[in-house]
Each structure stands twice: as C-alpha cells, then as structure tokens.
Amino acid sequence: MTKREWTPIREYEDILFDFHNGIARITINRPSYRNAFTPTTTTEMSDALRICREMEEVSVVVLTGAGDKAFCSGG
C-alpha cells in the first residue's frame, strides 16, 4: 500500500487541516486534553469547514482526533 502524501491547507493552533486526492482531513490536535474543544477549536473547525465548502476539489471531509485515547471528550 502506498502512503498518502497529505498537503497542509492552512495552519491552526488546535487543529490540523490537510488535503489529498479529493479528501480534506481535519484533525483535532489536543491529545493531552483528549481533544476537548475550546473556543479556539470551535472557531478553527468552523473556518476549516467553510474552506472545504468553498474548495471545488474537496469531495469528502474526514473528522478525526489525534492520539489514541479519545476522538473528542467534549468542550
């Protein structure tokens, strides 16, 4: 299996936002807090989703959480 080469779309404080072959991936990147949302996380997620809506190349959006403890523990 070939490893995907993800291209960063924009840099944020609380999330990672990248793209590969029609797929946008948004990763909540606060694993030490089990990816709990903050006001910053919410703002960044909204911005990333807006960008996805505006990008004709995006067919799918994948939401994921960093680390192996939790996708998201709330906020």
PDB file of N, CA and C in Angstrom:
ATOM      1  N   MET A   1       0.833  -1.175   0.000  1.00  0.00           N
ATOM      2  CA  MET A   1       0.000   0.000   0.000  1.00  0.00           C
ATOM      3  C   MET A   1       0.885   1.250   0.000  1.00  0.00           C
ATOM      4  N   THR A   2       0.528   2.203  -0.815  1.00  0.00           N
ATOM      5  CA  THR A   2       1.271   3.450  -0.926  1.00  0.00           C
ATOM      6  C   THR A   2       0.822   4.432   0.150  1.00  0.00           C
ATOM      7  N   LYS A   3       1.781   5.104   0.757  1.00  0.00           N
ATOM      8  CA  LYS A   3       1.463   6.106   1.775  1.00  0.00           C
ATOM      9  C   LYS A   3       0.937   7.366   1.102  1.00  0.00           C
ATOM     10  N   ARG A   4      -0.132   7.917   1.646  1.00  0.00           N
ATOM     11  CA  ARG A   4      -0.697   9.157   1.109  1.00  0.00           C
ATOM     12  C   ARG A   4       0.192  10.337   1.470  1.00  0.00           C
ATOM     13  N   GLU A   5       0.314  11.254   0.550  1.00  0.00           N
ATOM     14  CA  GLU A   5       1.048  12.495   0.778  1.00  0.00           C
ATOM     15  C   GLU A   5       0.025  13.603   1.019  1.00  0.00           C
ATOM     16  N   TRP A   6      -0.213  13.912   2.283  1.00  0.00           N
ATOM     17  CA  TRP A   6      -1.177  14.948   2.649  1.00  0.00           C
ATOM     18  C   TRP A   6      -0.527  16.325   2.518  1.00  0.00           C
ATOM     19  N   THR A   7      -1.259  17.260   1.937  1.00  0.00           N
ATOM     20  CA  THR A   7      -0.799  18.631   1.757  1.00  0.00           C
ATOM     21  C   THR A   7      -1.523  19.535   2.752  1.00  0.00           C
ATOM     22  N   PRO A   8      -0.789  20.229   3.614  1.00  0.00           N
ATOM     23  CA  PRO A   8      -1.455  21.157   4.541  1.00  0.00           C
ATOM     24  C   PRO A   8      -2.207  22.242   3.770  1.00  0.00           C
ATOM     25  N   ILE A   9      -3.409  22.555   4.234  1.00  0.00           N
ATOM     26  CA  ILE A   9      -4.204  23.619   3.615  1.00  0.00           C
ATOM     27  C   ILE A   9      -3.970  24.935   4.346  1.00  0.00           C
ATOM     28  N   ARG A  10      -4.018  24.872   5.672  1.00  0.00           N
ATOM     29  CA  ARG A  10      -3.817  26.067   6.497  1.00  0.00           C
ATOM     30  C   ARG A  10      -3.342  25.609   7.869  1.00  0.00           C
ATOM     31  N   GLU A  11      -2.543  26.448   8.529  1.00  0.00           N
ATOM     32  CA  GLU A  11      -2.067  26.111   9.876  1.00  0.00           C
ATOM     33  C   GLU A  11      -2.957  26.759  10.926  1.00  0.00           C
ATOM     34  N   TYR A  12      -3.236  25.980  11.968  1.00  0.00           N
ATOM     35  CA  TYR A  12      -4.060  26.436  13.087  1.00  0.00           C
ATOM     36  C   TYR A  12      -3.381  26.052  14.395  1.00  0.00           C
ATOM     37  N   GLU A  13      -3.934  26.539  15.490  1.00  0.00           N
ATOM     38  CA  GLU A  13      -3.407  26.239  16.823  1.00  0.00           C
ATOM     39  C   GLU A  13      -3.913  24.890  17.355  1.00  0.00           C
ATOM     40  N   ASP A  14      -5.216  24.609  17.196  1.00  0.00           N
ATOM     41  CA  ASP A  14      -5.835  23.430  17.810  1.00  0.00           C
ATOM     42  C   ASP A  14      -6.168  22.300  16.851  1.00  0.00           C
ATOM     43  N   ILE A  15      -6.111  22.554  15.546  1.00  0.00           N
ATOM     44  CA  ILE A  15      -6.439  21.506  14.583  1.00  0.00           C
ATOM     45  C   ILE A  15      -5.354  21.404  13.518  1.00  0.00           C
ATOM     46  N   LEU A  16      -5.320  20.260  12.856  1.00  0.00           N
ATOM     47  CA  LEU A  16      -4.517  20.065  11.654  1.00  0.00           C
ATOM     48  C   LEU A  16      -5.504  19.988  10.499  1.00  0.00           C
ATOM     49  N   PHE A  17      -5.152  20.584   9.368  1.00  0.00           N
ATOM     50  CA  PHE A  17      -6.071  20.670   8.235  1.00  0.00           C
ATOM     51  C   PHE A  17      -5.277  20.400   6.971  1.00  0.00           C
ATOM     52  N   ASP A  18      -5.533  19.244   6.350  1.00  0.00           N
ATOM     53  CA  ASP A  18      -4.782  18.889   5.154  1.00  0.00           C
ATOM     54  C   ASP A  18      -5.669  18.229   4.112  1.00  0.00           C
ATOM     55  N   PHE A  19      -5.070  17.955   2.936  1.00  0.00           N
ATOM     56  CA  PHE A  19      -5.821  17.537   1.756  1.00  0.00           C
ATOM     57  C   PHE A  19      -5.026  16.509   0.969  1.00  0.00           C
ATOM     58  N   HIS A  20      -5.759  15.531   0.395  1.00  0.00           N
ATOM     59  CA  HIS A  20      -5.151  14.570  -0.528  1.00  0.00           C
ATOM     60  C   HIS A  20      -6.238  14.004  -1.436  1.00  0.00           C
ATOM     61  N   ASN A  21      -6.068  14.151  -2.726  1.00  0.00           N
ATOM     62  CA  ASN A  21      -6.883  13.470  -3.729  1.00  0.00           C
ATOM     63  C   ASN A  21      -8.391  13.580  -3.459  1.00  0.00           C
ATOM     64  N   GLY A  22      -8.892  14.782  -3.273  1.00  0.00           N
ATOM     65  CA  GLY A  22     -10.316  14.995  -3.070  1.00  0.00           C
ATOM     66  C   GLY A  22     -10.791  14.868  -1.636  1.00  0.00           C
ATOM     67  N   ILE A  23      -9.888  14.520  -0.718  1.00  0.00           N
ATOM     68  CA  ILE A  23     -10.242  14.310   0.686  1.00  0.00           C
ATOM     69  C   ILE A  23      -9.612  15.405   1.539  1.00  0.00           C
ATOM     70  N   ALA A  24     -10.445  16.119   2.284  1.00  0.00           N
ATOM     71  CA  ALA A  24      -9.949  17.072   3.284  1.00  0.00           C
ATOM     72  C   ALA A  24      -9.992  16.360   4.631  1.00  0.00           C
ATOM     73  N   ARG A  25      -8.921  16.478   5.399  1.00  0.00           N
ATOM     74  CA  ARG A  25      -8.850  15.839   6.716  1.00  0.00           C
ATOM     75  C   ARG A  25      -8.657  16.920   7.767  1.00  0.00           C
ATOM     76  N   ILE A  26      -9.557  16.928   8.755  1.00  0.00           N
ATOM     77  CA  ILE A  26      -9.476  17.861   9.876  1.00  0.00           C
ATOM     78  C   ILE A  26      -9.238  17.027  11.128  1.00  0.00           C
ATOM     79  N   THR A  27      -8.102  17.265  11.787  1.00  0.00           N
ATOM     80  CA  THR A  27      -7.731  16.509  12.979  1.00  0.00           C
ATOM     81  C   THR A  27      -7.724  17.434  14.185  1.00  0.00           C
ATOM     82  N   ILE A  28      -8.529  17.101  15.186  1.00  0.00           N
ATOM     83  CA  ILE A  28      -8.479  17.844  16.448  1.00  0.00           C
ATOM     84  C   ILE A  28      -7.147  17.464  17.089  1.00  0.00           C
ATOM     85  N   ASN A  29      -6.286  18.428  17.329  1.00  0.00           N
ATOM     86  CA  ASN A  29      -4.911  18.143  17.735  1.00  0.00           C
ATOM     87  C   ASN A  29      -4.627  18.627  19.162  1.00  0.00           C
ATOM     88  N   ARG A  30      -5.380  18.068  20.113  1.00  0.00           N
ATOM     89  CA  ARG A  30      -5.180  18.379  21.532  1.00  0.00           C
ATOM     90  C   ARG A  30      -5.190  17.068  22.324  1.00  0.00           C
ATOM     91  N   PRO A  31      -4.339  16.114  21.960  1.00  0.00           N
ATOM     92  CA  PRO A  31      -4.417  14.785  22.580  1.00  0.00           C
ATOM     93  C   PRO A  31      -4.189  14.771  24.086  1.00  0.00           C
ATOM     94  N   SER A  32      -3.400  15.695  24.611  1.00  0.00           N
ATOM     95  CA  SER A  32      -3.159  15.704  26.059  1.00  0.00           C
ATOM     96  C   SER A  32      -4.417  16.103  26.837  1.00  0.00           C
ATOM     97  N   TYR A  33      -5.394  16.690  26.137  1.00  0.00           N
ATOM     98  CA  TYR A  33      -6.686  17.045  26.738  1.00  0.00           C
ATOM     99  C   TYR A  33      -7.809  16.182  26.159  1.00  0.00           C
ATOM    100  N   ARG A  34      -7.420  15.045  25.594  1.00  0.00           N
ATOM    101  CA  ARG A  34      -8.368  14.131  24.926  1.00  0.00           C
ATOM    102  C   ARG A  34      -9.216  14.867  23.887  1.00  0.00           C
ATOM    103  N   ASN A  35      -8.573  15.821  23.234  1.00  0.00           N
ATOM    104  CA  ASN A  35      -9.160  16.582  22.127  1.00  0.00           C
ATOM    105  C   ASN A  35     -10.417  17.356  22.506  1.00  0.00           C
ATOM    106  N   ALA A  36     -10.498  17.785  23.762  1.00  0.00           N
ATOM    107  CA  ALA A  36     -11.625  18.619  24.190  1.00  0.00           C
ATOM    108  C   ALA A  36     -11.602  19.950  23.437  1.00  0.00           C
ATOM    109  N   PHE A  37     -12.776  20.419  23.077  1.00  0.00           N
ATOM    110  CA  PHE A  37     -12.899  21.682  22.359  1.00  0.00           C
ATOM    111  C   PHE A  37     -12.696  22.872  23.292  1.00  0.00           C
ATOM    112  N   THR A  38     -12.089  23.914  22.740  1.00  0.00           N
ATOM    113  CA  THR A  38     -12.009  25.227  23.372  1.00  0.00           C
ATOM    114  C   THR A  38     -12.712  26.197  22.416  1.00  0.00           C
ATOM    115  N   PRO A  39     -12.920  27.434  22.804  1.00  0.00           N
ATOM    116  CA  PRO A  39     -13.460  28.401  21.842  1.00  0.00           C
ATOM    117  C   PRO A  39     -12.585  28.512  20.583  1.00  0.00           C
ATOM    118  N   THR A  40     -11.277  28.407  20.749  1.00  0.00           N
ATOM    119  CA  THR A  40     -10.366  28.450  19.596  1.00  0.00           C
ATOM    120  C   THR A  40     -10.604  27.258  18.677  1.00  0.00           C
ATOM    121  N   THR A  41     -10.773  26.074  19.249  1.00  0.00           N
ATOM    122  CA  THR A  41     -11.028  24.872  18.444  1.00  0.00           C
ATOM    123  C   THR A  41     -12.294  25.059  17.611  1.00  0.00           C
ATOM    124  N   THR A  42     -13.336  25.563  18.234  1.00  0.00           N
ATOM    125  CA  THR A  42     -14.611  25.765  17.542  1.00  0.00           C
ATOM    126  C   THR A  42     -14.462  26.747  16.384  1.00  0.00           C
ATOM    127  N   THR A  43     -13.768  27.834  16.610  1.00  0.00           N
ATOM    128  CA  THR A  43     -13.542  28.831  15.560  1.00  0.00           C
ATOM    129  C   THR A  43     -12.740  28.235  14.412  1.00  0.00           C
ATOM    130  N   GLU A  44     -11.681  27.497  14.743  1.00  0.00           N
ATOM    131  CA  GLU A  44     -10.834  26.896  13.705  1.00  0.00           C
ATOM    132  C   GLU A  44     -11.588  25.835  12.913  1.00  0.00           C
ATOM    133  N   MET A  45     -12.390  25.008  13.585  1.00  0.00           N
ATOM    134  CA  MET A  45     -13.182  23.991  12.883  1.00  0.00           C
ATOM    135  C   MET A  45     -14.163  24.657  11.920  1.00  0.00           C
ATOM    136  N   SER A  46     -14.828  25.704  12.363  1.00  0.00           N
ATOM    137  CA  SER A  46     -15.773  26.428  11.504  1.00  0.00           C
ATOM    138  C   SER A  46     -15.070  26.996  10.280  1.00  0.00           C
ATOM    139  N   ASP A  47     -13.889  27.565  10.479  1.00  0.00           N
ATOM    140  CA  ASP A  47     -13.126  28.126   9.367  1.00  0.00           C
ATOM    141  C   ASP A  47     -12.707  27.032   8.387  1.00  0.00           C
ATOM    142  N   ALA A  48     -12.204  25.921   8.902  1.00  0.00           N
ATOM    143  CA  ALA A  48     -11.772  24.819   8.035  1.00  0.00           C
ATOM    144  C   ALA A  48     -12.948  24.250   7.241  1.00  0.00           C
ATOM    145  N   LEU A  49     -14.099  24.085   7.877  1.00  0.00           N
ATOM    146  CA  LEU A  49     -15.277  23.571   7.168  1.00  0.00           C
ATOM    147  C   LEU A  49     -15.763  24.557   6.111  1.00  0.00           C
ATOM    148  N   ARG A  50     -15.659  25.849   6.392  1.00  0.00           N
ATOM    149  CA  ARG A  50     -16.018  26.860   5.387  1.00  0.00           C
ATOM    150  C   ARG A  50     -15.105  26.751   4.172  1.00  0.00           C
ATOM    151  N   ILE A  51     -13.810  26.583   4.420  1.00  0.00           N
ATOM    152  CA  ILE A  51     -12.849  26.429   3.322  1.00  0.00           C
ATOM    153  C   ILE A  51     -13.174  25.182   2.512  1.00  0.00           C
ATOM    154  N   CYS A  52     -13.507  24.084   3.186  1.00  0.00           N
ATOM    155  CA  CYS A  52     -13.872  22.845   2.479  1.00  0.00           C
ATOM    156  C   CYS A  52     -15.064  23.078   1.557  1.00  0.00           C
ATOM    157  N   ARG A  53     -16.057  23.797   2.053  1.00  0.00           N
ATOM    158  CA  ARG A  53     -17.252  24.080   1.258  1.00  0.00           C
ATOM    159  C   ARG A  53     -16.896  24.888   0.010  1.00  0.00           C
ATOM    160  N   GLU A  54     -15.908  25.766   0.122  1.00  0.00           N
ATOM    161  CA  GLU A  54     -15.530  26.636  -0.990  1.00  0.00           C
ATOM    162  C   GLU A  54     -14.565  25.978  -1.975  1.00  0.00           C
ATOM    163  N   MET A  55     -13.899  24.899  -1.568  1.00  0.00           N
ATOM    164  CA  MET A  55     -12.922  24.229  -2.438  1.00  0.00           C
ATOM    165  C   MET A  55     -13.620  23.199  -3.329  1.00  0.00           C
ATOM    166  N   GLU A  56     -13.655  23.455  -4.625  1.00  0.00           N
ATOM    167  CA  GLU A  56     -14.287  22.519  -5.553  1.00  0.00           C
ATOM    168  C   GLU A  56     -13.601  21.159  -5.557  1.00  0.00           C
ATOM    169  N   GLU A  57     -12.315  21.114  -5.212  1.00  0.00           N
ATOM    170  CA  GLU A  57     -11.558  19.859  -5.235  1.00  0.00           C
ATOM    171  C   GLU A  57     -11.944  18.919  -4.096  1.00  0.00           C
ATOM    172  N   VAL A  58     -12.606  19.423  -3.066  1.00  0.00           N
ATOM    173  CA  VAL A  58     -12.953  18.595  -1.905  1.00  0.00           C
ATOM    174  C   VAL A  58     -14.267  17.869  -2.161  1.00  0.00           C
ATOM    175  N   SER A  59     -14.205  16.532  -2.113  1.00  0.00           N
ATOM    176  CA  SER A  59     -15.396  15.693  -2.251  1.00  0.00           C
ATOM    177  C   SER A  59     -15.829  15.101  -0.921  1.00  0.00           C
ATOM    178  N   VAL A  60     -14.857  14.913  -0.012  1.00  0.00           N
ATOM    179  CA  VAL A  60     -15.101  14.247   1.269  1.00  0.00           C
ATOM    180  C   VAL A  60     -14.351  15.008   2.358  1.00  0.00           C
ATOM    181  N   VAL A  61     -14.971  15.118   3.538  1.00  0.00           N
ATOM    182  CA  VAL A  61     -14.301  15.687   4.707  1.00  0.00           C
ATOM    183  C   VAL A  61     -14.260  14.614   5.786  1.00  0.00           C
ATOM    184  N   VAL A  62     -13.057  14.324   6.281  1.00  0.00           N
ATOM    185  CA  VAL A  62     -12.870  13.350   7.357  1.00  0.00           C
ATOM    186  C   VAL A  62     -12.530  14.117   8.628  1.00  0.00           C
ATOM    187  N   LEU A  63     -13.295  13.869   9.697  1.00  0.00           N
ATOM    188  CA  LEU A  63     -13.010  14.454  11.010  1.00  0.00           C
ATOM    189  C   LEU A  63     -12.393  13.374  11.878  1.00  0.00           C
ATOM    190  N   THR A  64     -11.270  13.690  12.508  1.00  0.00           N
ATOM    191  CA  THR A  64     -10.579  12.716  13.343  1.00  0.00           C
ATOM    192  C   THR A  64      -9.948  13.431  14.536  1.00  0.00           C
ATOM    193  N   GLY A  65      -9.494  12.643  15.497  1.00  0.00           N
ATOM    194  CA  GLY A  65      -8.836  13.197  16.671  1.00  0.00           C
ATOM    195  C   GLY A  65      -7.441  12.627  16.814  1.00  0.00           C
ATOM    196  N   ALA A  66      -6.496  13.432  17.258  1.00  0.00           N
ATOM    197  CA  ALA A  66      -5.112  12.985  17.461  1.00  0.00           C
ATOM    198  C   ALA A  66      -5.030  12.112  18.712  1.00  0.00           C
ATOM    199  N   GLY A  67      -4.038  11.224  18.731  1.00  0.00           N
ATOM    200  CA  GLY A  67      -3.817  10.370  19.893  1.00  0.00           C
ATOM    201  C   GLY A  67      -4.669   9.114  19.851  1.00  0.00           C
ATOM    202  N   ASP A  68      -4.508   8.297  20.882  1.00  0.00           N
ATOM    203  CA  ASP A  68      -5.212   7.011  20.906  1.00  0.00           C
ATOM    204  C   ASP A  68      -6.171   6.871  22.088  1.00  0.00           C
ATOM    205  N   LYS A  69      -6.463   7.962  22.788  1.00  0.00           N
ATOM    206  CA  LYS A  69      -7.341   7.908  23.963  1.00  0.00           C
ATOM    207  C   LYS A  69      -8.796   8.237  23.631  1.00  0.00           C
ATOM    208  N   ALA A  70      -9.013   9.259  22.807  1.00  0.00           N
ATOM    209  CA  ALA A  70     -10.383   9.703  22.541  1.00  0.00           C
ATOM    210  C   ALA A  70     -10.444  10.506  21.252  1.00  0.00           C
ATOM    211  N   PHE A  71     -11.572  10.379  20.549  1.00  0.00           N
ATOM    212  CA  PHE A  71     -11.808  11.254  19.403  1.00  0.00           C
ATOM    213  C   PHE A  71     -11.992  12.682  19.918  1.00  0.00           C
ATOM    214  N   CYS A  72     -12.897  12.843  20.890  1.00  0.00           N
ATOM    215  CA  CYS A  72     -13.156  14.143  21.499  1.00  0.00           C
ATOM    216  C   CYS A  72     -13.888  13.921  22.817  1.00  0.00           C
ATOM    217  N   SER A  73     -13.411  14.568  23.867  1.00  0.00           N
ATOM    218  CA  SER A  73     -14.021  14.372  25.184  1.00  0.00           C
ATOM    219  C   SER A  73     -14.996  15.483  25.566  1.00  0.00           C
ATOM    220  N   GLY A  74     -15.314  16.351  24.640  1.00  0.00           N
ATOM    221  CA  GLY A  74     -16.272  17.418  24.928  1.00  0.00           C
ATOM    222  C   GLY A  74     -15.645  18.789  24.825  1.00  0.00           C
ATOM    223  N   GLY A  75     -16.206  19.728  25.534  1.00  0.00           N
ATOM    224  CA  GLY A  75     -15.640  21.054  25.462  1.00  0.00           C
ATOM    225  C   GLY A  75     -16.451  22.077  26.169  1.00  0.00           C
TER     226      GLY A  75
END
